[in-house]
Amino acid sequence: MAKIESYPLASPVVGQDKWLGTDSANANATKNFSADAVAVFLNTYNKIEDQALRYQYQDLEAGDVRLNGTLGFSSLDAGIVPFSSLTSFLLSKFQINNNVDVSSYYTNPLVGSTVLISEVGNPSVFGLYTWNSAVVNGAEPNFWDIGVTYSTGNGSLINNTNYFISLLTYKGSSAATTYIHNQNVASATWVIVHNLNSYPSVAVTDSANTPYATGFGQVVYNSANQLTISFSAAFSGKAFLN
């Protein structure tokens, strides 16, 4: 048998290419391993270093145990959840198949920043959010209650599908100084938690994205991270804070 180094190199590598190795789970038997199988292992078990965090959506049903490395909801049988309806969720302090606690990242730098949630392997399925809050869940300390405000996106969370969560623009950068509040329910009083740690100027549009008239209402700064706008009549729309 010729020396291995004497064989020509395969280029480019394709998914069906194989090489010999040892199957440690089967009495160290010698097996063929495909490039496709190795790629699945690296991705499934989170072995590739990346700045994006990886989780699996778990649609919890009665009798299920909430798994580490998942995102989900406190209520059962949430089903398929459109990105556009997502305002809060439960998030494991661990990534999928990774026992490193990454929860400190949920508060700094994510709170107040713009975050992208996208389907692994299909970036056209995504939701873009302002990451408003992150608090340890009182009943399940391995999970955090996350609050977000939806900006734009396409698609939904689907059970047993993996998603990346990645920082898009940091709250301290110039690209992230505007906070957009979506007031989906008509109200004459809008309470806005913006987490800008400042007292921002305010502009308002109605549900048709038409700028609201000057002198639209009284703005009360409750704190450096929250304000209240009072209007003469109830309506829905958006507030832009910067």
C-alpha atoms as a PDB file:
ATOM      1  CA  MET A   1       0.000   0.000   0.000  1.00  0.00           C
ATOM      2  CA  ALA A   2       1.335   3.404  -0.976  1.00  0.00           C
ATOM      3  CA  LYS A   3       2.063   6.012   1.668  1.00  0.00           C
ATOM      4  CA  ILE A   4      -0.893   8.315   2.339  1.00  0.00           C
ATOM      5  CA  GLU A   5       1.201  11.372   1.519  1.00  0.00           C
ATOM      6  CA  SER A   6       1.752  10.017  -2.000  1.00  0.00           C
ATOM      7  CA  TYR A   7      -1.954  10.205  -2.929  1.00  0.00           C
ATOM      8  CA  PRO A   8      -3.114  13.308  -4.839  1.00  0.00           C
ATOM      9  CA  LEU A   9      -5.126  15.987  -3.013  1.00  0.00           C
ATOM     10  CA  ALA A  10      -8.872  16.214  -3.717  1.00  0.00           C
ATOM     11  CA  SER A  11      -9.764  19.760  -4.708  1.00  0.00           C
ATOM     12  CA  PRO A  12     -12.314  21.107  -4.235  1.00  0.00           C
ATOM     13  CA  VAL A  13     -13.649  19.072  -1.304  1.00  0.00           C
ATOM     14  CA  VAL A  14     -17.289  17.990  -1.840  1.00  0.00           C
ATOM     15  CA  GLY A  15     -19.795  16.646   0.659  1.00  0.00           C
ATOM     16  CA  GLN A  16     -19.470  13.030  -0.454  1.00  0.00           C
ATOM     17  CA  ASP A  17     -15.688  12.935  -0.017  1.00  0.00           C
ATOM     18  CA  LYS A  18     -14.560  10.494   2.683  1.00  0.00           C
ATOM     19  CA  TRP A  19     -11.612   9.773   4.912  1.00  0.00           C
ATOM     20  CA  LEU A  20     -10.779   7.058   7.413  1.00  0.00           C
ATOM     21  CA  GLY A  21     -11.121   7.529  11.129  1.00  0.00           C
ATOM     22  CA  THR A  22     -11.925   5.865  14.443  1.00  0.00           C
ATOM     23  CA  ASP A  23     -15.506   5.507  15.719  1.00  0.00           C
ATOM     24  CA  SER A  24     -15.026   6.070  19.464  1.00  0.00           C
ATOM     25  CA  ALA A  25     -18.665   5.204  20.197  1.00  0.00           C
ATOM     26  CA  ASN A  26     -18.367   1.800  18.531  1.00  0.00           C
ATOM     27  CA  ALA A  27     -15.355   0.027  20.076  1.00  0.00           C
ATOM     28  CA  ASN A  28     -12.982   2.298  18.125  1.00  0.00           C
ATOM     29  CA  ALA A  29     -13.931   0.621  14.867  1.00  0.00           C
ATOM     30  CA  THR A  30     -12.382   2.020  11.697  1.00  0.00           C
ATOM     31  CA  LYS A  31     -15.011   3.861   9.664  1.00  0.00           C
ATOM     32  CA  ASN A  32     -15.370   6.189   6.713  1.00  0.00           C
ATOM     33  CA  PHE A  33     -16.384   9.763   7.562  1.00  0.00           C
ATOM     34  CA  SER A  34     -17.908  12.057   4.943  1.00  0.00           C
ATOM     35  CA  ALA A  35     -17.273  15.788   4.655  1.00  0.00           C
ATOM     36  CA  ASP A  36     -21.040  16.326   4.946  1.00  0.00           C
ATOM     37  CA  ALA A  37     -21.202  14.368   8.227  1.00  0.00           C
ATOM     38  CA  VAL A  38     -18.294  16.322   9.724  1.00  0.00           C
ATOM     39  CA  ALA A  39     -19.942  19.616   8.731  1.00  0.00           C
ATOM     40  CA  VAL A  40     -23.194  18.552  10.429  1.00  0.00           C
ATOM     41  CA  PHE A  41     -21.264  17.650  13.596  1.00  0.00           C
ATOM     42  CA  LEU A  42     -19.405  20.979  13.700  1.00  0.00           C
ATOM     43  CA  ASN A  43     -22.623  22.963  13.276  1.00  0.00           C
ATOM     44  CA  THR A  44     -24.941  20.847  15.450  1.00  0.00           C
ATOM     45  CA  TYR A  45     -22.558  20.758  18.390  1.00  0.00           C
ATOM     46  CA  ASN A  46     -21.543  24.403  18.095  1.00  0.00           C
ATOM     47  CA  LYS A  47     -17.867  23.657  17.495  1.00  0.00           C
ATOM     48  CA  ILE A  48     -17.238  26.628  15.203  1.00  0.00           C
ATOM     49  CA  GLU A  49     -16.175  29.825  16.968  1.00  0.00           C
ATOM     50  CA  ASP A  50     -18.541  32.624  15.989  1.00  0.00           C
ATOM     51  CA  GLN A  51     -19.724  35.936  17.425  1.00  0.00           C
ATOM     52  CA  ALA A  52     -23.366  34.935  16.801  1.00  0.00           C
ATOM     53  CA  LEU A  53     -25.079  32.936  19.572  1.00  0.00           C
ATOM     54  CA  ARG A  54     -26.947  29.773  18.538  1.00  0.00           C
ATOM     55  CA  TYR A  55     -30.174  28.393  20.039  1.00  0.00           C
ATOM     56  CA  GLN A  56     -32.999  26.034  19.127  1.00  0.00           C
ATOM     57  CA  TYR A  57     -36.639  27.101  19.370  1.00  0.00           C
ATOM     58  CA  GLN A  58     -38.493  24.691  21.673  1.00  0.00           C
ATOM     59  CA  ASP A  59     -42.284  24.813  21.520  1.00  0.00           C
ATOM     60  CA  LEU A  60     -42.917  23.505  25.022  1.00  0.00           C
ATOM     61  CA  GLU A  61     -45.812  21.077  25.530  1.00  0.00           C
ATOM     62  CA  ALA A  62     -47.306  19.628  28.711  1.00  0.00           C
ATOM     63  CA  GLY A  63     -44.820  17.246  30.329  1.00  0.00           C
ATOM     64  CA  ASP A  64     -41.805  18.585  28.429  1.00  0.00           C
ATOM     65  CA  VAL A  65     -38.631  19.693  30.190  1.00  0.00           C
ATOM     66  CA  ARG A  66     -37.246  23.028  29.040  1.00  0.00           C
ATOM     67  CA  LEU A  67     -33.860  22.239  27.527  1.00  0.00           C
ATOM     68  CA  ASN A  68     -30.618  24.147  27.803  1.00  0.00           C
ATOM     69  CA  GLY A  69     -29.635  25.887  24.589  1.00  0.00           C
ATOM     70  CA  THR A  70     -33.212  26.800  23.698  1.00  0.00           C
ATOM     71  CA  LEU A  71     -35.401  29.840  23.315  1.00  0.00           C
ATOM     72  CA  GLY A  72     -39.115  29.596  23.911  1.00  0.00           C
ATOM     73  CA  PHE A  73     -42.063  30.923  25.857  1.00  0.00           C
ATOM     74  CA  SER A  74     -43.515  30.541  29.335  1.00  0.00           C
ATOM     75  CA  SER A  75     -46.868  29.462  27.876  1.00  0.00           C
ATOM     76  CA  LEU A  76     -47.380  25.996  26.368  1.00  0.00           C
ATOM     77  CA  ASP A  77     -48.047  25.188  22.700  1.00  0.00           C
ATOM     78  CA  ALA A  78     -47.040  28.563  21.299  1.00  0.00           C
ATOM     79  CA  GLY A  79     -46.757  26.968  17.846  1.00  0.00           C
ATOM     80  CA  ILE A  80     -45.226  28.826  14.915  1.00  0.00           C
ATOM     81  CA  VAL A  81     -44.490  32.388  16.061  1.00  0.00           C
ATOM     82  CA  PRO A  82     -44.129  35.162  13.438  1.00  0.00           C
ATOM     83  CA  PHE A  83     -41.122  37.379  14.051  1.00  0.00           C
ATOM     84  CA  SER A  84     -43.432  40.396  13.765  1.00  0.00           C
ATOM     85  CA  SER A  85     -45.404  39.309  16.858  1.00  0.00           C
ATOM     86  CA  LEU A  86     -42.376  38.641  19.051  1.00  0.00           C
ATOM     87  CA  THR A  87     -42.170  40.983  22.067  1.00  0.00           C
ATOM     88  CA  SER A  88     -40.729  38.677  24.753  1.00  0.00           C
ATOM     89  CA  PHE A  89     -39.321  35.182  25.146  1.00  0.00           C
ATOM     90  CA  LEU A  90     -37.337  32.910  27.468  1.00  0.00           C
ATOM     91  CA  LEU A  91     -33.690  32.347  26.582  1.00  0.00           C
ATOM     92  CA  SER A  92     -31.297  29.760  27.998  1.00  0.00           C
ATOM     93  CA  LYS A  93     -28.119  31.067  29.596  1.00  0.00           C
ATOM     94  CA  PHE A  94     -26.316  28.409  27.550  1.00  0.00           C
ATOM     95  CA  GLN A  95     -26.059  28.076  23.786  1.00  0.00           C
ATOM     96  CA  ILE A  96     -27.153  24.810  22.187  1.00  0.00           C
ATOM     97  CA  ASN A  97     -24.687  21.984  22.943  1.00  0.00           C
ATOM     98  CA  ASN A  98     -22.412  24.342  24.853  1.00  0.00           C
ATOM     99  CA  ASN A  99     -22.104  24.524  28.656  1.00  0.00           C
ATOM    100  CA  VAL A 100     -20.547  28.009  28.805  1.00  0.00           C
ATOM    101  CA  ASP A 101     -22.797  30.560  30.535  1.00  0.00           C
ATOM    102  CA  VAL A 102     -23.146  33.519  28.130  1.00  0.00           C
ATOM    103  CA  SER A 103     -25.947  35.318  29.976  1.00  0.00           C
ATOM    104  CA  SER A 104     -23.854  38.351  30.969  1.00  0.00           C
ATOM    105  CA  TYR A 105     -23.902  39.218  27.246  1.00  0.00           C
ATOM    106  CA  TYR A 106     -27.704  39.586  27.423  1.00  0.00           C
ATOM    107  CA  THR A 107     -27.430  42.751  29.517  1.00  0.00           C
ATOM    108  CA  ASN A 108     -24.217  44.303  28.229  1.00  0.00           C
ATOM    109  CA  PRO A 109     -23.902  44.947  25.321  1.00  0.00           C
ATOM    110  CA  LEU A 110     -27.325  43.732  24.144  1.00  0.00           C
ATOM    111  CA  VAL A 111     -29.738  45.832  26.248  1.00  0.00           C
ATOM    112  CA  GLY A 112     -30.577  48.925  24.213  1.00  0.00           C
ATOM    113  CA  SER A 113     -28.838  47.601  21.109  1.00  0.00           C
ATOM    114  CA  THR A 114     -30.139  46.412  17.738  1.00  0.00           C
ATOM    115  CA  VAL A 115     -30.157  42.612  17.502  1.00  0.00           C
ATOM    116  CA  LEU A 116     -30.716  40.214  14.605  1.00  0.00           C
ATOM    117  CA  ILE A 117     -32.434  36.842  15.102  1.00  0.00           C
ATOM    118  CA  SER A 118     -31.990  34.720  11.973  1.00  0.00           C
ATOM    119  CA  GLU A 119     -32.590  31.117  10.974  1.00  0.00           C
ATOM    120  CA  VAL A 120     -29.388  29.077  10.762  1.00  0.00           C
ATOM    121  CA  GLY A 121     -28.695  28.246   7.129  1.00  0.00           C
ATOM    122  CA  ASN A 122     -31.376  30.612   5.800  1.00  0.00           C
ATOM    123  CA  PRO A 123     -30.584  34.277   6.532  1.00  0.00           C
ATOM    124  CA  SER A 124     -33.651  35.411   4.546  1.00  0.00           C
ATOM    125  CA  VAL A 125     -35.704  34.292   7.569  1.00  0.00           C
ATOM    126  CA  PHE A 126     -34.989  36.914  10.219  1.00  0.00           C
ATOM    127  CA  GLY A 127     -36.300  39.428  12.723  1.00  0.00           C
ATOM    128  CA  LEU A 128     -34.640  42.737  13.576  1.00  0.00           C
ATOM    129  CA  TYR A 129     -35.247  44.041  17.108  1.00  0.00           C
ATOM    130  CA  THR A 130     -34.278  46.502  19.771  1.00  0.00           C
ATOM    131  CA  TRP A 131     -33.227  44.388  22.760  1.00  0.00           C
ATOM    132  CA  ASN A 132     -35.059  46.199  25.557  1.00  0.00           C
ATOM    133  CA  SER A 133     -34.528  44.116  28.690  1.00  0.00           C
ATOM    134  CA  ALA A 134     -32.957  40.951  30.106  1.00  0.00           C
ATOM    135  CA  VAL A 135     -33.821  39.589  33.563  1.00  0.00           C
ATOM    136  CA  VAL A 136     -33.234  36.179  35.151  1.00  0.00           C
ATOM    137  CA  ASN A 137     -36.491  34.214  35.269  1.00  0.00           C
ATOM    138  CA  GLY A 138     -37.581  33.741  38.881  1.00  0.00           C
ATOM    139  CA  ALA A 139     -38.950  30.235  38.391  1.00  0.00           C
ATOM    140  CA  GLU A 140     -36.243  28.952  36.039  1.00  0.00           C
ATOM    141  CA  PRO A 141     -32.858  30.495  36.909  1.00  0.00           C
ATOM    142  CA  ASN A 142     -31.146  28.875  33.920  1.00  0.00           C
ATOM    143  CA  PHE A 143     -33.329  31.041  31.675  1.00  0.00           C
ATOM    144  CA  TRP A 144     -33.711  34.777  31.132  1.00  0.00           C
ATOM    145  CA  ASP A 145     -36.807  36.825  30.338  1.00  0.00           C
ATOM    146  CA  ILE A 146     -35.957  38.861  27.242  1.00  0.00           C
ATOM    147  CA  GLY A 147     -38.010  41.875  26.069  1.00  0.00           C
ATOM    148  CA  VAL A 148     -37.682  43.147  22.492  1.00  0.00           C
ATOM    149  CA  THR A 149     -39.284  45.628  20.093  1.00  0.00           C
ATOM    150  CA  TYR A 150     -39.748  44.452  16.499  1.00  0.00           C
ATOM    151  CA  SER A 151     -38.463  46.640  13.645  1.00  0.00           C
ATOM    152  CA  THR A 152     -38.629  44.512  10.493  1.00  0.00           C
ATOM    153  CA  GLY A 153     -38.181  40.952   9.308  1.00  0.00           C
ATOM    154  CA  ASN A 154     -39.506  37.954   7.427  1.00  0.00           C
ATOM    155  CA  GLY A 155     -40.685  34.539   8.595  1.00  0.00           C
ATOM    156  CA  SER A 156     -41.296  32.852  11.928  1.00  0.00           C
ATOM    157  CA  LEU A 157     -39.902  30.788  14.765  1.00  0.00           C
ATOM    158  CA  ILE A 158     -40.520  27.109  13.975  1.00  0.00           C
ATOM    159  CA  ASN A 159     -40.220  24.286  16.508  1.00  0.00           C
ATOM    160  CA  ASN A 160     -36.858  22.443  16.617  1.00  0.00           C
ATOM    161  CA  THR A 161     -35.281  24.948  14.223  1.00  0.00           C
ATOM    162  CA  ASN A 162     -31.978  26.611  15.102  1.00  0.00           C
ATOM    163  CA  TYR A 163     -31.488  30.387  15.175  1.00  0.00           C
ATOM    164  CA  PHE A 164     -28.593  32.798  15.524  1.00  0.00           C
ATOM    165  CA  ILE A 165     -28.811  35.827  17.810  1.00  0.00           C
ATOM    166  CA  SER A 166     -26.262  38.463  16.864  1.00  0.00           C
ATOM    167  CA  LEU A 167     -25.477  42.064  17.801  1.00  0.00           C
ATOM    168  CA  LEU A 168     -26.100  44.284  14.791  1.00  0.00           C
ATOM    169  CA  THR A 169     -25.484  47.792  16.135  1.00  0.00           C
ATOM    170  CA  TYR A 170     -24.325  48.618  19.641  1.00  0.00           C
ATOM    171  CA  LYS A 171     -26.405  51.092  21.633  1.00  0.00           C
ATOM    172  CA  GLY A 172     -23.358  53.342  22.049  1.00  0.00           C
ATOM    173  CA  SER A 173     -22.642  53.639  18.326  1.00  0.00           C
ATOM    174  CA  SER A 174     -24.039  56.444  16.189  1.00  0.00           C
ATOM    175  CA  ALA A 175     -26.136  53.922  14.239  1.00  0.00           C
ATOM    176  CA  ALA A 176     -27.969  52.899  17.387  1.00  0.00           C
ATOM    177  CA  THR A 177     -28.867  56.254  18.943  1.00  0.00           C
ATOM    178  CA  THR A 178     -32.457  56.212  17.664  1.00  0.00           C
ATOM    179  CA  TYR A 179     -34.963  54.082  19.548  1.00  0.00           C
ATOM    180  CA  ILE A 180     -38.166  53.187  17.686  1.00  0.00           C
ATOM    181  CA  HIS A 181     -41.243  52.449  19.796  1.00  0.00           C
ATOM    182  CA  ASN A 182     -44.088  50.576  18.074  1.00  0.00           C
ATOM    183  CA  GLN A 183     -47.456  51.435  19.624  1.00  0.00           C
ATOM    184  CA  ASN A 184     -49.612  48.674  18.125  1.00  0.00           C
ATOM    185  CA  VAL A 185     -52.610  49.193  20.431  1.00  0.00           C
ATOM    186  CA  ALA A 186     -54.389  52.540  20.154  1.00  0.00           C
ATOM    187  CA  SER A 187     -53.909  54.572  23.326  1.00  0.00           C
ATOM    188  CA  ALA A 188     -53.925  58.178  24.467  1.00  0.00           C
ATOM    189  CA  THR A 189     -50.983  57.443  26.776  1.00  0.00           C
ATOM    190  CA  TRP A 190     -47.779  55.824  25.531  1.00  0.00           C
ATOM    191  CA  VAL A 191     -45.327  54.600  28.171  1.00  0.00           C
ATOM    192  CA  ILE A 192     -41.976  53.949  26.490  1.00  0.00           C
ATOM    193  CA  VAL A 193     -39.018  52.111  28.014  1.00  0.00           C
ATOM    194  CA  HIS A 194     -36.121  53.071  25.721  1.00  0.00           C
ATOM    195  CA  ASN A 195     -32.989  52.308  27.819  1.00  0.00           C
ATOM    196  CA  LEU A 196     -31.035  55.098  26.098  1.00  0.00           C
ATOM    197  CA  ASN A 197     -29.816  56.406  29.468  1.00  0.00           C
ATOM    198  CA  SER A 198     -30.662  59.933  28.302  1.00  0.00           C
ATOM    199  CA  TYR A 199     -33.563  62.353  27.839  1.00  0.00           C
ATOM    200  CA  PRO A 200     -34.175  62.068  24.086  1.00  0.00           C
ATOM    201  CA  SER A 201     -36.146  64.244  21.708  1.00  0.00           C
ATOM    202  CA  VAL A 202     -39.357  62.655  20.421  1.00  0.00           C
ATOM    203  CA  ALA A 203     -41.059  62.462  17.018  1.00  0.00           C
ATOM    204  CA  VAL A 204     -44.324  60.603  16.416  1.00  0.00           C
ATOM    205  CA  THR A 205     -46.063  59.100  13.383  1.00  0.00           C
ATOM    206  CA  ASP A 206     -49.481  57.509  13.130  1.00  0.00           C
ATOM    207  CA  SER A 207     -50.192  53.970  11.868  1.00  0.00           C
ATOM    208  CA  ALA A 208     -49.928  55.211   8.268  1.00  0.00           C
ATOM    209  CA  ASN A 209     -46.421  56.596   9.016  1.00  0.00           C
ATOM    210  CA  THR A 210     -47.725  60.170   8.705  1.00  0.00           C
ATOM    211  CA  PRO A 211     -45.918  62.596  11.029  1.00  0.00           C
ATOM    212  CA  TYR A 212     -48.134  63.667  13.908  1.00  0.00           C
ATOM    213  CA  ALA A 213     -48.835  67.383  14.229  1.00  0.00           C
ATOM    214  CA  THR A 214     -46.484  69.662  16.167  1.00  0.00           C
ATOM    215  CA  GLY A 215     -47.507  69.915  19.790  1.00  0.00           C
ATOM    216  CA  PHE A 216     -48.796  66.359  19.669  1.00  0.00           C
ATOM    217  CA  GLY A 217     -48.802  65.824  23.396  1.00  0.00           C
ATOM    218  CA  GLN A 218     -47.029  66.226  26.672  1.00  0.00           C
ATOM    219  CA  VAL A 219     -43.770  64.319  27.153  1.00  0.00           C
ATOM    220  CA  VAL A 220     -42.874  63.418  30.729  1.00  0.00           C
ATOM    221  CA  TYR A 221     -39.436  61.972  31.392  1.00  0.00           C
ATOM    222  CA  ASN A 222     -40.039  59.376  34.111  1.00  0.00           C
ATOM    223  CA  SER A 223     -36.327  58.521  34.219  1.00  0.00           C
ATOM    224  CA  ALA A 224     -33.298  58.449  31.944  1.00  0.00           C
ATOM    225  CA  ASN A 225     -34.660  55.206  30.469  1.00  0.00           C
ATOM    226  CA  GLN A 226     -38.424  55.762  30.367  1.00  0.00           C
ATOM    227  CA  LEU A 227     -40.836  58.456  29.247  1.00  0.00           C
ATOM    228  CA  THR A 228     -44.597  58.918  28.865  1.00  0.00           C
ATOM    229  CA  ILE A 229     -46.387  60.726  26.014  1.00  0.00           C
ATOM    230  CA  SER A 230     -49.959  61.919  26.584  1.00  0.00           C
ATOM    231  CA  PHE A 231     -52.262  62.658  23.626  1.00  0.00           C
ATOM    232  CA  SER A 232     -55.726  64.195  23.359  1.00  0.00           C
ATOM    233  CA  ALA A 233     -57.082  61.031  21.673  1.00  0.00           C
ATOM    234  CA  ALA A 234     -56.155  57.372  21.397  1.00  0.00           C
ATOM    235  CA  PHE A 235     -54.293  56.189  18.298  1.00  0.00           C
ATOM    236  CA  SER A 236     -51.541  53.779  17.256  1.00  0.00           C
ATOM    237  CA  GLY A 237     -48.265  54.488  15.513  1.00  0.00           C
ATOM    238  CA  LYS A 238     -44.565  54.899  16.223  1.00  0.00           C
ATOM    239  CA  ALA A 239     -42.359  57.138  18.342  1.00  0.00           C
ATOM    240  CA  PHE A 240     -38.791  57.922  17.331  1.00  0.00           C
ATOM    241  CA  LEU A 241     -36.466  58.837  20.204  1.00  0.00           C
ATOM    242  CA  ASN A 242     -32.958  60.237  19.719  1.00  0.00           C
END
